[in-house]
C-alpha atoms as a PDB file:
ATOM      1  CA  UNK A   1     -24.150  -7.832 -13.914  1.00  0.00           C
ATOM      2  CA  UNK A   2     -22.330  -4.823 -15.323  1.00  0.00           C
ATOM      3  CA  UNK A   3     -19.051  -3.667 -13.783  1.00  0.00           C
ATOM      4  CA  UNK A   4     -20.716  -0.447 -12.636  1.00  0.00           C
ATOM      5  CA  UNK A   5     -22.806  -2.568 -10.240  1.00  0.00           C
ATOM      6  CA  UNK A   6     -19.984  -4.894  -9.227  1.00  0.00           C
ATOM      7  CA  UNK A   7     -17.662  -2.083  -8.304  1.00  0.00           C
ATOM      8  CA  UNK A   8     -19.662  -1.181  -5.229  1.00  0.00           C
ATOM      9  CA  UNK A   9     -20.040  -4.695  -3.827  1.00  0.00           C
ATOM     10  CA  UNK A  10     -16.651  -5.202  -2.250  1.00  0.00           C
ATOM     11  CA  UNK A  11     -13.698  -3.240  -0.980  1.00  0.00           C
ATOM     12  CA  UNK A  12      -9.989  -3.602  -0.621  1.00  0.00           C
ATOM     13  CA  UNK A  13      -8.096  -1.425   1.846  1.00  0.00           C
ATOM     14  CA  UNK A  14      -4.599  -1.210   3.140  1.00  0.00           C
ATOM     15  CA  UNK A  15      -4.036  -1.692   6.810  1.00  0.00           C
ATOM     16  CA  UNK A  16      -2.602   1.398   8.465  1.00  0.00           C
ATOM     17  CA  UNK A  17      -1.020   2.349  11.764  1.00  0.00           C
ATOM     18  CA  UNK A  18      -3.391   2.566  14.728  1.00  0.00           C
ATOM     19  CA  UNK A  19      -1.969   5.906  15.806  1.00  0.00           C
ATOM     20  CA  UNK A  20      -4.343   8.858  15.842  1.00  0.00           C
ATOM     21  CA  UNK A  21      -4.554  11.193  12.892  1.00  0.00           C
ATOM     22  CA  UNK A  22      -2.524  14.381  13.312  1.00  0.00           C
ATOM     23  CA  UNK A  23      -5.069  16.186  11.167  1.00  0.00           C
ATOM     24  CA  UNK A  24      -8.771  16.798  11.840  1.00  0.00           C
ATOM     25  CA  UNK A  25     -10.902  18.123   9.010  1.00  0.00           C
ATOM     26  CA  UNK A  26     -12.077  17.259   5.507  1.00  0.00           C
ATOM     27  CA  UNK A  27     -10.165  16.888   2.241  1.00  0.00           C
ATOM     28  CA  UNK A  28     -12.001  17.272  -1.068  1.00  0.00           C
ATOM     29  CA  UNK A  29     -10.722  14.754  -3.626  1.00  0.00           C
ATOM     30  CA  UNK A  30     -11.065  14.558  -7.396  1.00  0.00           C
ATOM     31  CA  UNK A  31     -10.718  11.001  -8.702  1.00  0.00           C
ATOM     32  CA  UNK A  32      -9.774   9.656 -12.127  1.00  0.00           C
ATOM     33  CA  UNK A  33     -11.969  11.572 -14.595  1.00  0.00           C
ATOM     34  CA  UNK A  34     -11.432   8.870 -17.274  1.00  0.00           C
ATOM     35  CA  UNK A  35     -13.046   6.173 -15.093  1.00  0.00           C
ATOM     36  CA  UNK A  36     -16.821   6.124 -15.568  1.00  0.00           C
ATOM     37  CA  UNK A  37     -17.159   4.221 -12.278  1.00  0.00           C
ATOM     38  CA  UNK A  38     -15.206   6.659 -10.127  1.00  0.00           C
ATOM     39  CA  UNK A  39     -17.057   8.452  -7.308  1.00  0.00           C
ATOM     40  CA  UNK A  40     -17.580  12.190  -7.797  1.00  0.00           C
ATOM     41  CA  UNK A  41     -17.785  14.928  -5.123  1.00  0.00           C
ATOM     42  CA  UNK A  42     -15.488  12.929  -2.837  1.00  0.00           C
ATOM     43  CA  UNK A  43     -14.993  14.166   0.723  1.00  0.00           C
ATOM     44  CA  UNK A  44     -12.512  12.507   3.082  1.00  0.00           C
ATOM     45  CA  UNK A  45     -13.227  13.252   6.743  1.00  0.00           C
ATOM     46  CA  UNK A  46     -10.440  12.533   9.255  1.00  0.00           C
ATOM     47  CA  UNK A  47     -10.461  12.629  13.032  1.00  0.00           C
ATOM     48  CA  UNK A  48      -8.287  10.727  15.505  1.00  0.00           C
ATOM     49  CA  UNK A  49      -8.482   7.007  14.581  1.00  0.00           C
ATOM     50  CA  UNK A  50     -11.519   7.475  12.324  1.00  0.00           C
ATOM     51  CA  UNK A  51     -11.984   8.236   8.661  1.00  0.00           C
ATOM     52  CA  UNK A  52     -15.140   8.683   6.597  1.00  0.00           C
ATOM     53  CA  UNK A  53     -15.231   8.863   2.799  1.00  0.00           C
ATOM     54  CA  UNK A  54     -18.300  10.005   0.927  1.00  0.00           C
ATOM     55  CA  UNK A  55     -18.964  10.355  -2.777  1.00  0.00           C
ATOM     56  CA  UNK A  56     -21.692  10.428  -5.387  1.00  0.00           C
ATOM     57  CA  UNK A  57     -22.349   7.170  -7.227  1.00  0.00           C
ATOM     58  CA  UNK A  58     -22.088   7.524 -11.036  1.00  0.00           C
ATOM     59  CA  UNK A  59     -25.402   7.857 -12.845  1.00  0.00           C
ATOM     60  CA  UNK A  60     -24.543   4.718 -14.851  1.00  0.00           C
ATOM     61  CA  UNK A  61     -24.709   2.483 -11.773  1.00  0.00           C
ATOM     62  CA  UNK A  62     -27.867   0.358 -11.432  1.00  0.00           C
ATOM     63  CA  UNK A  63     -27.206   0.287  -7.677  1.00  0.00           C
ATOM     64  CA  UNK A  64     -28.586   3.795  -7.355  1.00  0.00           C
ATOM     65  CA  UNK A  65     -26.892   6.327  -9.563  1.00  0.00           C
ATOM     66  CA  UNK A  66     -26.767   9.776  -8.034  1.00  0.00           C
ATOM     67  CA  UNK A  67     -26.935   8.502  -4.447  1.00  0.00           C
ATOM     68  CA  UNK A  68     -24.191   8.799  -1.849  1.00  0.00           C
ATOM     69  CA  UNK A  69     -21.773   6.001  -1.121  1.00  0.00           C
ATOM     70  CA  UNK A  70     -20.296   6.239   2.375  1.00  0.00           C
ATOM     71  CA  UNK A  71     -17.326   4.359   3.815  1.00  0.00           C
ATOM     72  CA  UNK A  72     -16.664   4.503   7.545  1.00  0.00           C
ATOM     73  CA  UNK A  73     -13.314   3.361   8.940  1.00  0.00           C
ATOM     74  CA  UNK A  74     -12.438   3.030  12.621  1.00  0.00           C
ATOM     75  CA  UNK A  75      -8.880   1.885  13.315  1.00  0.00           C
ATOM     76  CA  UNK A  76      -9.548   1.536  17.040  1.00  0.00           C
ATOM     77  CA  UNK A  77     -11.963  -1.326  16.340  1.00  0.00           C
ATOM     78  CA  UNK A  78     -10.470  -2.320  12.939  1.00  0.00           C
ATOM     79  CA  UNK A  79     -13.900  -2.140  11.344  1.00  0.00           C
ATOM     80  CA  UNK A  80     -14.886  -0.712   7.974  1.00  0.00           C
ATOM     81  CA  UNK A  81     -18.532  -0.135   7.109  1.00  0.00           C
ATOM     82  CA  UNK A  82     -19.734   0.483   3.583  1.00  0.00           C
ATOM     83  CA  UNK A  83     -23.136   2.057   3.019  1.00  0.00           C
ATOM     84  CA  UNK A  84     -24.274   1.552  -0.577  1.00  0.00           C
ATOM     85  CA  UNK A  85     -27.256   3.538  -1.895  1.00  0.00           C
ATOM     86  CA  UNK A  86     -29.926   1.839  -3.984  1.00  0.00           C
ATOM     87  CA  UNK A  87     -32.551   3.266  -6.291  1.00  0.00           C
ATOM     88  CA  UNK A  88     -36.239   3.441  -5.238  1.00  0.00           C
ATOM     89  CA  UNK A  89     -36.978   0.875  -7.947  1.00  0.00           C
ATOM     90  CA  UNK A  90     -34.471  -1.573  -6.507  1.00  0.00           C
ATOM     91  CA  UNK A  91     -35.763  -0.943  -2.977  1.00  0.00           C
ATOM     92  CA  UNK A  92     -39.254  -1.807  -4.195  1.00  0.00           C
ATOM     93  CA  UNK A  93     -38.067  -5.069  -5.783  1.00  0.00           C
ATOM     94  CA  UNK A  94     -36.372  -5.963  -2.497  1.00  0.00           C
ATOM     95  CA  UNK A  95     -39.593  -5.390  -0.582  1.00  0.00           C
ATOM     96  CA  UNK A  96     -38.680  -2.233   1.294  1.00  0.00           C
ATOM     97  CA  UNK A  97     -39.856   1.047  -0.198  1.00  0.00           C
ATOM     98  CA  UNK A  98     -38.365   2.942   2.690  1.00  0.00           C
ATOM     99  CA  UNK A  99     -34.955   1.306   2.357  1.00  0.00           C
ATOM    100  CA  UNK A 100     -32.053   3.670   1.604  1.00  0.00           C
ATOM    101  CA  UNK A 101     -29.403   1.111   0.764  1.00  0.00           C
ATOM    102  CA  UNK A 102     -27.312  -1.827   1.810  1.00  0.00           C
ATOM    103  CA  UNK A 103     -24.688  -2.114   4.541  1.00  0.00           C
ATOM    104  CA  UNK A 104     -21.565  -4.190   4.731  1.00  0.00           C
ATOM    105  CA  UNK A 105     -19.228  -4.383   7.736  1.00  0.00           C
ATOM    106  CA  UNK A 106     -15.714  -5.701   7.161  1.00  0.00           C
ATOM    107  CA  UNK A 107     -12.914  -6.569   9.592  1.00  0.00           C
ATOM    108  CA  UNK A 108      -9.689  -4.791   8.640  1.00  0.00           C
ATOM    109  CA  UNK A 109      -6.710  -7.203   8.751  1.00  0.00           C
ATOM    110  CA  UNK A 110      -3.640  -6.386  10.810  1.00  0.00           C
ATOM    111  CA  UNK A 111      -1.429  -6.123   7.756  1.00  0.00           C
ATOM    112  CA  UNK A 112      -1.485  -6.197   3.981  1.00  0.00           C
ATOM    113  CA  UNK A 113       1.113  -8.534   2.547  1.00  0.00           C
ATOM    114  CA  UNK A 114       2.531  -8.683  -0.957  1.00  0.00           C
ATOM    115  CA  UNK A 115       3.476  -5.083  -1.661  1.00  0.00           C
ATOM    116  CA  UNK A 116       6.113  -5.115  -4.385  1.00  0.00           C
ATOM    117  CA  UNK A 117       6.527  -1.401  -5.061  1.00  0.00           C
ATOM    118  CA  UNK A 118       7.884   1.559  -3.170  1.00  0.00           C
ATOM    119  CA  UNK A 119       8.690   5.204  -3.810  1.00  0.00           C
ATOM    120  CA  UNK A 120      11.842   7.239  -4.337  1.00  0.00           C
ATOM    121  CA  UNK A 121      12.095  11.016  -3.624  1.00  0.00           C
ATOM    122  CA  UNK A 122      12.550  13.236  -6.672  1.00  0.00           C
ATOM    123  CA  UNK A 123      14.013  16.173  -4.701  1.00  0.00           C
ATOM    124  CA  UNK A 124      11.314  18.629  -5.701  1.00  0.00           C
ATOM    125  CA  UNK A 125       8.314  20.132  -3.880  1.00  0.00           C
ATOM    126  CA  UNK A 126       5.151  21.993  -4.768  1.00  0.00           C
ATOM    127  CA  UNK A 127       2.017  23.523  -3.299  1.00  0.00           C
ATOM    128  CA  UNK A 128      -1.302  21.736  -3.831  1.00  0.00           C
ATOM    129  CA  UNK A 129      -4.567  22.782  -2.188  1.00  0.00           C
ATOM    130  CA  UNK A 130      -2.621  25.164   0.028  1.00  0.00           C
ATOM    131  CA  UNK A 131      -0.267  22.536   1.420  1.00  0.00           C
ATOM    132  CA  UNK A 132       3.404  21.875   0.672  1.00  0.00           C
ATOM    133  CA  UNK A 133       4.140  18.381  -0.578  1.00  0.00           C
ATOM    134  CA  UNK A 134       7.224  16.515  -1.802  1.00  0.00           C
ATOM    135  CA  UNK A 135       7.433  14.733  -5.137  1.00  0.00           C
ATOM    136  CA  UNK A 136       8.050  10.984  -5.309  1.00  0.00           C
ATOM    137  CA  UNK A 137       8.064   8.353  -8.018  1.00  0.00           C
ATOM    138  CA  UNK A 138       6.840   4.796  -7.742  1.00  0.00           C
ATOM    139  CA  UNK A 139       9.496   2.092  -8.125  1.00  0.00           C
ATOM    140  CA  UNK A 140       9.307  -1.558  -9.125  1.00  0.00           C
ATOM    141  CA  UNK A 141       6.558  -1.147 -11.728  1.00  0.00           C
ATOM    142  CA  UNK A 142       6.581  -0.876 -15.544  1.00  0.00           C
ATOM    143  CA  UNK A 143       4.590   2.364 -15.644  1.00  0.00           C
ATOM    144  CA  UNK A 144       5.512   4.284 -12.477  1.00  0.00           C
ATOM    145  CA  UNK A 145       3.165   6.841 -10.969  1.00  0.00           C
ATOM    146  CA  UNK A 146       4.426  10.115  -9.660  1.00  0.00           C
ATOM    147  CA  UNK A 147       2.930  11.616  -6.528  1.00  0.00           C
ATOM    148  CA  UNK A 148       3.197  14.577  -4.232  1.00  0.00           C
ATOM    149  CA  UNK A 149       3.030  13.575  -0.560  1.00  0.00           C
ATOM    150  CA  UNK A 150       2.502  15.607   2.587  1.00  0.00           C
ATOM    151  CA  UNK A 151       3.049  14.547   6.178  1.00  0.00           C
ATOM    152  CA  UNK A 152       0.575  17.158   7.467  1.00  0.00           C
ATOM    153  CA  UNK A 153      -2.562  15.024   6.979  1.00  0.00           C
ATOM    154  CA  UNK A 154      -1.673  11.867   8.876  1.00  0.00           C
ATOM    155  CA  UNK A 155      -1.598   8.353   7.442  1.00  0.00           C
ATOM    156  CA  UNK A 156      -3.253   7.429   4.160  1.00  0.00           C
ATOM    157  CA  UNK A 157      -5.974   4.794   3.833  1.00  0.00           C
ATOM    158  CA  UNK A 158      -7.491   3.999   0.451  1.00  0.00           C
ATOM    159  CA  UNK A 159     -10.599   1.828   0.270  1.00  0.00           C
ATOM    160  CA  UNK A 160     -10.763   0.600  -3.322  1.00  0.00           C
ATOM    161  CA  UNK A 161     -13.941  -0.538  -4.972  1.00  0.00           C
ATOM    162  CA  UNK A 162     -13.545  -3.829  -6.784  1.00  0.00           C
ATOM    163  CA  UNK A 163     -13.344  -7.494  -5.877  1.00  0.00           C
ATOM    164  CA  UNK A 164     -10.570 -10.018  -5.798  1.00  0.00           C
ATOM    165  CA  UNK A 165      -8.846 -11.253  -8.867  1.00  0.00           C
ATOM    166  CA  UNK A 166      -8.165  -9.405 -12.108  1.00  0.00           C
ATOM    167  CA  UNK A 167      -8.744  -5.686 -11.743  1.00  0.00           C
ATOM    168  CA  UNK A 168      -9.531  -5.979  -8.032  1.00  0.00           C
ATOM    169  CA  UNK A 169      -7.782  -4.499  -5.066  1.00  0.00           C
ATOM    170  CA  UNK A 170      -6.049  -1.176  -4.655  1.00  0.00           C
ATOM    171  CA  UNK A 171      -3.836   0.303  -7.388  1.00  0.00           C
ATOM    172  CA  UNK A 172      -0.088  -0.190  -7.088  1.00  0.00           C
ATOM    173  CA  UNK A 173       0.611   3.393  -6.071  1.00  0.00           C
ATOM    174  CA  UNK A 174      -1.434   2.923  -2.871  1.00  0.00           C
ATOM    175  CA  UNK A 175       0.871   0.241  -1.452  1.00  0.00           C
ATOM    176  CA  UNK A 176       3.901   2.160  -2.770  1.00  0.00           C
ATOM    177  CA  UNK A 177       3.115   5.162  -0.529  1.00  0.00           C
ATOM    178  CA  UNK A 178       3.456   3.168   2.670  1.00  0.00           C
ATOM    179  CA  UNK A 179       4.119   5.502   5.616  1.00  0.00           C
ATOM    180  CA  UNK A 180       5.573   8.319   3.508  1.00  0.00           C
ATOM    181  CA  UNK A 181       2.534  10.577   3.792  1.00  0.00           C
ATOM    182  CA  UNK A 182      -0.825  11.519   2.314  1.00  0.00           C
ATOM    183  CA  UNK A 183      -0.988  12.075  -1.472  1.00  0.00           C
ATOM    184  CA  UNK A 184      -2.240  15.454  -2.600  1.00  0.00           C
ATOM    185  CA  UNK A 185      -1.828  14.372  -6.211  1.00  0.00           C
ATOM    186  CA  UNK A 186      -1.037  11.127  -8.065  1.00  0.00           C
ATOM    187  CA  UNK A 187      -0.418  11.078 -11.828  1.00  0.00           C
ATOM    188  CA  UNK A 188       1.368   9.225 -14.594  1.00  0.00           C
ATOM    189  CA  UNK A 189       4.120  10.794 -16.747  1.00  0.00           C
ATOM    190  CA  UNK A 190       1.595  11.054 -19.574  1.00  0.00           C
ATOM    191  CA  UNK A 191      -0.439  13.485 -17.533  1.00  0.00           C
ATOM    192  CA  UNK A 192      -3.333  11.220 -16.443  1.00  0.00           C
ATOM    193  CA  UNK A 193      -4.351  12.231 -12.902  1.00  0.00           C
ATOM    194  CA  UNK A 194      -5.591   9.391 -10.740  1.00  0.00           C
ATOM    195  CA  UNK A 195      -6.106  11.264  -7.476  1.00  0.00           C
ATOM    196  CA  UNK A 196      -5.983  14.944  -6.557  1.00  0.00           C
ATOM    197  CA  UNK A 197      -6.878  17.065  -3.542  1.00  0.00           C
ATOM    198  CA  UNK A 198      -8.776  20.184  -4.537  1.00  0.00           C
ATOM    199  CA  UNK A 199      -9.312  21.655  -1.061  1.00  0.00           C
ATOM    200  CA  UNK A 200      -8.145  20.951   2.486  1.00  0.00           C
ATOM    201  CA  UNK A 201     -10.366  22.293   5.266  1.00  0.00           C
ATOM    202  CA  UNK A 202      -9.039  21.772   8.803  1.00  0.00           C
ATOM    203  CA  UNK A 203     -11.582  22.006  11.607  1.00  0.00           C
ATOM    204  CA  UNK A 204     -13.880  20.074  13.900  1.00  0.00           C
ATOM    205  CA  UNK A 205     -15.560  17.016  12.408  1.00  0.00           C
ATOM    206  CA  UNK A 206     -18.785  16.106  14.243  1.00  0.00           C
ATOM    207  CA  UNK A 207     -19.282  12.582  15.554  1.00  0.00           C
ATOM    208  CA  UNK A 208     -22.525  12.405  13.530  1.00  0.00           C
ATOM    209  CA  UNK A 209     -20.450  11.774  10.402  1.00  0.00           C
ATOM    210  CA  UNK A 210     -19.849   8.223  11.658  1.00  0.00           C
ATOM    211  CA  UNK A 211     -23.460   7.541  12.686  1.00  0.00           C
ATOM    212  CA  UNK A 212     -25.147   4.881  10.529  1.00  0.00           C
ATOM    213  CA  UNK A 213     -28.681   6.058   9.690  1.00  0.00           C
ATOM    214  CA  UNK A 214     -31.730   3.847   9.643  1.00  0.00           C
ATOM    215  CA  UNK A 215     -32.829   2.248   6.398  1.00  0.00           C
ATOM    216  CA  UNK A 216     -29.716   0.215   5.501  1.00  0.00           C
ATOM    217  CA  UNK A 217     -29.991  -3.561   5.198  1.00  0.00           C
ATOM    218  CA  UNK A 218     -27.127  -6.001   5.576  1.00  0.00           C
ATOM    219  CA  UNK A 219     -25.832  -7.097   2.188  1.00  0.00           C
ATOM    220  CA  UNK A 220     -27.163 -10.646   1.659  1.00  0.00           C
ATOM    221  CA  UNK A 221     -24.455 -13.297   1.695  1.00  0.00           C
ATOM    222  CA  UNK A 222     -21.662 -10.743   1.999  1.00  0.00           C
ATOM    223  CA  UNK A 223     -21.111 -10.378   5.751  1.00  0.00           C
ATOM    224  CA  UNK A 224     -18.214 -11.687   7.742  1.00  0.00           C
ATOM    225  CA  UNK A 225     -14.587 -10.912   8.193  1.00  0.00           C
ATOM    226  CA  UNK A 226     -12.016 -10.063   5.623  1.00  0.00           C
ATOM    227  CA  UNK A 227     -14.231 -10.054   2.564  1.00  0.00           C
ATOM    228  CA  UNK A 228     -13.031  -7.810  -0.176  1.00  0.00           C
ATOM    229  CA  UNK A 229      -9.430  -7.472   1.018  1.00  0.00           C
END
């Protein structure tokens, strides 16, 4: 199976504080443009102890290119639900022409051990997507990322597509951030941008964002606790 299919079959996420988000609204995110498997049109919805991330699956993915991947996180129940779109052709092969996709529910562990990096302040600030953020640099890694962090958007949670082992799990800069804030931009000194907020829209987020629609089937053989972390 090609990596473009594998990348949507498991998740890794950092555990975060259970405290409610200070920010309610949606943040538009642009991912790594050099990664053919990165989600496009990302929207990060935040409200209280809940977060929802949506994005368009790359056209190269046999799982259903062009469909919407949705990740629902609820820190009050420590549950993460991934809704993976599938193509009509795949739905037909699986015996359900009306099926929209597959669902996987994962228990979020209390903590994420093994973080070996951190960040140091650079003493500079900038404005990104209308919000002031402070510049930091990752420490403890050969090729450090730089990032601009704000404390206005609550804690940061990053579900990362990819399985265990080589290439799996979240990138080093995710664990480096810790409780220092929400990144509005993450880049390397060479200019490669891994993560960037393009718009921040505060406002009411309806509860319907976290409603799981009909037509999603449990991923076969992939249920249970802790998978993908």
